[in-house]
């Protein structure tokens, strides 16, 4: 009888130890990824509920036609739109080769004083690809056109 009780106690200890290890590992993973998680927002979402200036997030949509302005040095200004709202973007750096007006883009950065300050810009990589988040945002605004149409 005492042997069964000892086995049961040992089994409970192993389960409790495994649960504690799982909690600790989940907490460590969350802590390590705290800066690597960037939420996606469409221009309409940014305009409706502007994020705080300290929050890094991704914004995506179409580069508004006629809005691309190259400044001094490597500074570039343009607007990104989803058909429902437009957000001005400023970026300092070299744009991807496929970056162009009326094309899909995703930028990572912060929204400060009504301007999205991007530190990374991604452009579509071929004629048919656009990031899923951008397509979903454009479809929600009713302005998405299927490739080739």
C-alpha atoms as a PDB file:
ATOM      1  CA  UNK A   1       0.000   0.000   0.000  1.00  0.00           C
ATOM      2  CA  UNK A   2       2.823   2.401   0.875  1.00  0.00           C
ATOM      3  CA  UNK A   3       4.481   1.689  -2.490  1.00  0.00           C
ATOM      4  CA  UNK A   4       1.384   2.814  -4.428  1.00  0.00           C
ATOM      5  CA  UNK A   5       1.192   5.980  -2.351  1.00  0.00           C
ATOM      6  CA  UNK A   6       4.857   6.718  -3.088  1.00  0.00           C
ATOM      7  CA  UNK A   7       4.323   6.180  -6.845  1.00  0.00           C
ATOM      8  CA  UNK A   8       1.288   8.474  -6.792  1.00  0.00           C
ATOM      9  CA  UNK A   9       3.209  11.160  -4.896  1.00  0.00           C
ATOM     10  CA  UNK A  10       6.133  10.893  -7.349  1.00  0.00           C
ATOM     11  CA  UNK A  11       3.785  11.169 -10.346  1.00  0.00           C
ATOM     12  CA  UNK A  12       2.177  14.324  -8.893  1.00  0.00           C
ATOM     13  CA  UNK A  13       5.629  15.836  -8.288  1.00  0.00           C
ATOM     14  CA  UNK A  14       6.687  15.145 -11.899  1.00  0.00           C
ATOM     15  CA  UNK A  15       3.478  16.705 -13.263  1.00  0.00           C
ATOM     16  CA  UNK A  16       3.861  19.768 -11.018  1.00  0.00           C
ATOM     17  CA  UNK A  17       7.505  20.168 -12.076  1.00  0.00           C
ATOM     18  CA  UNK A  18       6.583  19.881 -15.762  1.00  0.00           C
ATOM     19  CA  UNK A  19       3.812  22.482 -15.353  1.00  0.00           C
ATOM     20  CA  UNK A  20       6.205  24.874 -13.588  1.00  0.00           C
ATOM     21  CA  UNK A  21       8.804  24.400 -16.339  1.00  0.00           C
ATOM     22  CA  UNK A  22       6.154  25.133 -18.985  1.00  0.00           C
ATOM     23  CA  UNK A  23       5.100  28.349 -17.231  1.00  0.00           C
ATOM     24  CA  UNK A  24       8.702  29.520 -16.847  1.00  0.00           C
ATOM     25  CA  UNK A  25       9.597  28.744 -20.474  1.00  0.00           C
ATOM     26  CA  UNK A  26       6.469  30.539 -21.755  1.00  0.00           C
ATOM     27  CA  UNK A  27       7.323  33.596 -19.655  1.00  0.00           C
ATOM     28  CA  UNK A  28      10.920  33.608 -20.937  1.00  0.00           C
ATOM     29  CA  UNK A  29       9.797  33.324 -24.566  1.00  0.00           C
ATOM     30  CA  UNK A  30       7.320  36.172 -24.092  1.00  0.00           C
ATOM     31  CA  UNK A  31       9.970  38.330 -22.445  1.00  0.00           C
ATOM     32  CA  UNK A  32      12.471  37.638 -25.231  1.00  0.00           C
ATOM     33  CA  UNK A  33       9.938  38.481 -27.959  1.00  0.00           C
ATOM     34  CA  UNK A  34       8.515  41.645 -26.371  1.00  0.00           C
ATOM     35  CA  UNK A  35      10.295  43.916 -28.872  1.00  0.00           C
ATOM     36  CA  UNK A  36       9.917  41.594 -31.855  1.00  0.00           C
ATOM     37  CA  UNK A  37       6.134  41.573 -32.008  1.00  0.00           C
ATOM     38  CA  UNK A  38       4.774  44.301 -34.281  1.00  0.00           C
ATOM     39  CA  UNK A  39       1.056  44.568 -34.821  1.00  0.00           C
ATOM     40  CA  UNK A  40      -0.331  45.379 -38.274  1.00  0.00           C
ATOM     41  CA  UNK A  41      -2.654  48.330 -38.789  1.00  0.00           C
ATOM     42  CA  UNK A  42      -4.296  49.723 -41.905  1.00  0.00           C
ATOM     43  CA  UNK A  43      -4.276  53.492 -42.523  1.00  0.00           C
ATOM     44  CA  UNK A  44      -7.982  53.610 -41.532  1.00  0.00           C
ATOM     45  CA  UNK A  45      -7.216  51.979 -38.182  1.00  0.00           C
ATOM     46  CA  UNK A  46      -4.333  54.392 -37.554  1.00  0.00           C
ATOM     47  CA  UNK A  47      -6.512  57.436 -38.284  1.00  0.00           C
ATOM     48  CA  UNK A  48      -9.459  56.129 -36.201  1.00  0.00           C
ATOM     49  CA  UNK A  49      -7.372  55.202 -33.151  1.00  0.00           C
ATOM     50  CA  UNK A  50      -3.863  56.704 -33.328  1.00  0.00           C
ATOM     51  CA  UNK A  51      -1.313  54.593 -31.436  1.00  0.00           C
ATOM     52  CA  UNK A  52       1.006  56.155 -28.876  1.00  0.00           C
ATOM     53  CA  UNK A  53       4.286  57.510 -30.254  1.00  0.00           C
ATOM     54  CA  UNK A  54       6.343  54.893 -28.416  1.00  0.00           C
ATOM     55  CA  UNK A  55       4.581  51.914 -30.052  1.00  0.00           C
ATOM     56  CA  UNK A  56       6.280  50.230 -32.995  1.00  0.00           C
ATOM     57  CA  UNK A  57       3.834  48.686 -35.468  1.00  0.00           C
ATOM     58  CA  UNK A  58       3.427  47.811 -39.151  1.00  0.00           C
ATOM     59  CA  UNK A  59       1.271  49.766 -41.570  1.00  0.00           C
ATOM     60  CA  UNK A  60       0.354  48.633 -45.046  1.00  0.00           C
ATOM     61  CA  UNK A  61      -1.588  49.734 -48.061  1.00  0.00           C
ATOM     62  CA  UNK A  62      -1.030  51.290 -51.452  1.00  0.00           C
ATOM     63  CA  UNK A  63       1.449  54.088 -52.069  1.00  0.00           C
ATOM     64  CA  UNK A  64      -0.791  56.986 -53.076  1.00  0.00           C
ATOM     65  CA  UNK A  65      -0.217  58.168 -56.634  1.00  0.00           C
ATOM     66  CA  UNK A  66       1.465  61.562 -56.890  1.00  0.00           C
ATOM     67  CA  UNK A  67       2.565  61.555 -53.236  1.00  0.00           C
ATOM     68  CA  UNK A  68       6.145  60.298 -53.597  1.00  0.00           C
ATOM     69  CA  UNK A  69       8.586  63.145 -52.819  1.00  0.00           C
ATOM     70  CA  UNK A  70      12.327  62.627 -52.510  1.00  0.00           C
ATOM     71  CA  UNK A  71      13.924  65.038 -50.063  1.00  0.00           C
ATOM     72  CA  UNK A  72      17.489  65.959 -49.282  1.00  0.00           C
ATOM     73  CA  UNK A  73      19.798  62.980 -48.995  1.00  0.00           C
ATOM     74  CA  UNK A  74      17.984  59.706 -48.486  1.00  0.00           C
ATOM     75  CA  UNK A  75      14.742  61.141 -47.042  1.00  0.00           C
ATOM     76  CA  UNK A  76      11.563  60.096 -48.832  1.00  0.00           C
ATOM     77  CA  UNK A  77       7.989  61.200 -48.136  1.00  0.00           C
ATOM     78  CA  UNK A  78       4.847  59.558 -49.454  1.00  0.00           C
ATOM     79  CA  UNK A  79       1.314  58.701 -48.418  1.00  0.00           C
ATOM     80  CA  UNK A  80      -0.033  55.215 -47.812  1.00  0.00           C
ATOM     81  CA  UNK A  81      -3.742  54.591 -48.291  1.00  0.00           C
ATOM     82  CA  UNK A  82      -6.253  51.802 -48.038  1.00  0.00           C
ATOM     83  CA  UNK A  83      -8.952  53.734 -49.870  1.00  0.00           C
ATOM     84  CA  UNK A  84     -10.616  54.828 -46.648  1.00  0.00           C
ATOM     85  CA  UNK A  85      -7.847  56.899 -45.072  1.00  0.00           C
ATOM     86  CA  UNK A  86      -4.407  58.210 -45.921  1.00  0.00           C
ATOM     87  CA  UNK A  87      -1.383  58.399 -43.627  1.00  0.00           C
ATOM     88  CA  UNK A  88       1.753  60.420 -44.469  1.00  0.00           C
ATOM     89  CA  UNK A  89       4.984  58.435 -44.216  1.00  0.00           C
ATOM     90  CA  UNK A  90       8.570  59.628 -43.910  1.00  0.00           C
ATOM     91  CA  UNK A  91      11.471  57.240 -44.480  1.00  0.00           C
ATOM     92  CA  UNK A  92      15.201  57.745 -44.469  1.00  0.00           C
ATOM     93  CA  UNK A  93      17.086  55.148 -46.438  1.00  0.00           C
ATOM     94  CA  UNK A  94      17.121  53.312 -49.726  1.00  0.00           C
ATOM     95  CA  UNK A  95      13.746  52.081 -50.952  1.00  0.00           C
ATOM     96  CA  UNK A  96      13.331  48.557 -52.356  1.00  0.00           C
ATOM     97  CA  UNK A  97      13.684  48.323 -56.162  1.00  0.00           C
ATOM     98  CA  UNK A  98      10.024  47.382 -56.623  1.00  0.00           C
ATOM     99  CA  UNK A  99       8.712  50.286 -54.535  1.00  0.00           C
ATOM    100  CA  UNK A 100       6.427  52.475 -56.684  1.00  0.00           C
ATOM    101  CA  UNK A 101       3.260  54.539 -56.588  1.00  0.00           C
ATOM    102  CA  UNK A 102      -0.016  52.599 -56.685  1.00  0.00           C
ATOM    103  CA  UNK A 103       1.818  49.485 -55.425  1.00  0.00           C
ATOM    104  CA  UNK A 104       1.474  47.607 -52.158  1.00  0.00           C
ATOM    105  CA  UNK A 105       3.878  48.252 -49.303  1.00  0.00           C
ATOM    106  CA  UNK A 106       4.346  47.447 -45.640  1.00  0.00           C
ATOM    107  CA  UNK A 107       6.325  49.718 -43.351  1.00  0.00           C
ATOM    108  CA  UNK A 108       7.527  49.235 -39.780  1.00  0.00           C
ATOM    109  CA  UNK A 109       7.927  52.237 -37.519  1.00  0.00           C
ATOM    110  CA  UNK A 110       6.114  54.676 -35.207  1.00  0.00           C
ATOM    111  CA  UNK A 111       3.295  57.164 -35.597  1.00  0.00           C
ATOM    112  CA  UNK A 112       4.538  60.525 -34.298  1.00  0.00           C
ATOM    113  CA  UNK A 113       2.599  63.818 -34.590  1.00  0.00           C
ATOM    114  CA  UNK A 114       0.381  62.551 -37.418  1.00  0.00           C
ATOM    115  CA  UNK A 115       3.244  61.129 -39.500  1.00  0.00           C
ATOM    116  CA  UNK A 116       4.355  57.506 -39.708  1.00  0.00           C
ATOM    117  CA  UNK A 117       8.145  57.466 -39.257  1.00  0.00           C
ATOM    118  CA  UNK A 118       9.255  54.248 -40.939  1.00  0.00           C
ATOM    119  CA  UNK A 119      12.537  52.536 -40.216  1.00  0.00           C
ATOM    120  CA  UNK A 120      11.831  49.667 -42.643  1.00  0.00           C
ATOM    121  CA  UNK A 121       9.899  49.559 -45.917  1.00  0.00           C
ATOM    122  CA  UNK A 122       8.964  46.374 -47.766  1.00  0.00           C
ATOM    123  CA  UNK A 123       7.485  46.311 -51.270  1.00  0.00           C
ATOM    124  CA  UNK A 124       5.768  43.537 -53.171  1.00  0.00           C
ATOM    125  CA  UNK A 125       8.229  41.220 -54.876  1.00  0.00           C
ATOM    126  CA  UNK A 126       6.426  40.410 -58.121  1.00  0.00           C
ATOM    127  CA  UNK A 127       3.358  41.283 -60.151  1.00  0.00           C
ATOM    128  CA  UNK A 128       0.874  39.234 -58.137  1.00  0.00           C
ATOM    129  CA  UNK A 129       2.088  39.257 -54.532  1.00  0.00           C
ATOM    130  CA  UNK A 130       0.800  41.626 -51.893  1.00  0.00           C
ATOM    131  CA  UNK A 131       1.007  40.952 -48.140  1.00  0.00           C
ATOM    132  CA  UNK A 132      -2.148  39.286 -46.778  1.00  0.00           C
ATOM    133  CA  UNK A 133      -2.721  42.052 -44.238  1.00  0.00           C
ATOM    134  CA  UNK A 134      -2.664  44.699 -46.984  1.00  0.00           C
ATOM    135  CA  UNK A 135      -5.073  42.717 -49.175  1.00  0.00           C
ATOM    136  CA  UNK A 136      -7.448  42.266 -46.226  1.00  0.00           C
ATOM    137  CA  UNK A 137      -7.326  46.001 -45.406  1.00  0.00           C
ATOM    138  CA  UNK A 138      -7.952  46.975 -49.034  1.00  0.00           C
ATOM    139  CA  UNK A 139     -10.813  44.483 -49.349  1.00  0.00           C
ATOM    140  CA  UNK A 140     -12.386  45.909 -46.171  1.00  0.00           C
ATOM    141  CA  UNK A 141     -12.385  49.351 -47.816  1.00  0.00           C
ATOM    142  CA  UNK A 142     -13.705  47.945 -51.115  1.00  0.00           C
ATOM    143  CA  UNK A 143     -10.735  49.138 -53.206  1.00  0.00           C
ATOM    144  CA  UNK A 144      -8.838  45.884 -53.794  1.00  0.00           C
ATOM    145  CA  UNK A 145      -8.394  44.872 -57.430  1.00  0.00           C
ATOM    146  CA  UNK A 146      -7.439  41.306 -58.263  1.00  0.00           C
ATOM    147  CA  UNK A 147      -4.063  41.014 -60.059  1.00  0.00           C
ATOM    148  CA  UNK A 148      -4.467  41.095 -63.823  1.00  0.00           C
ATOM    149  CA  UNK A 149      -7.862  42.825 -63.701  1.00  0.00           C
END
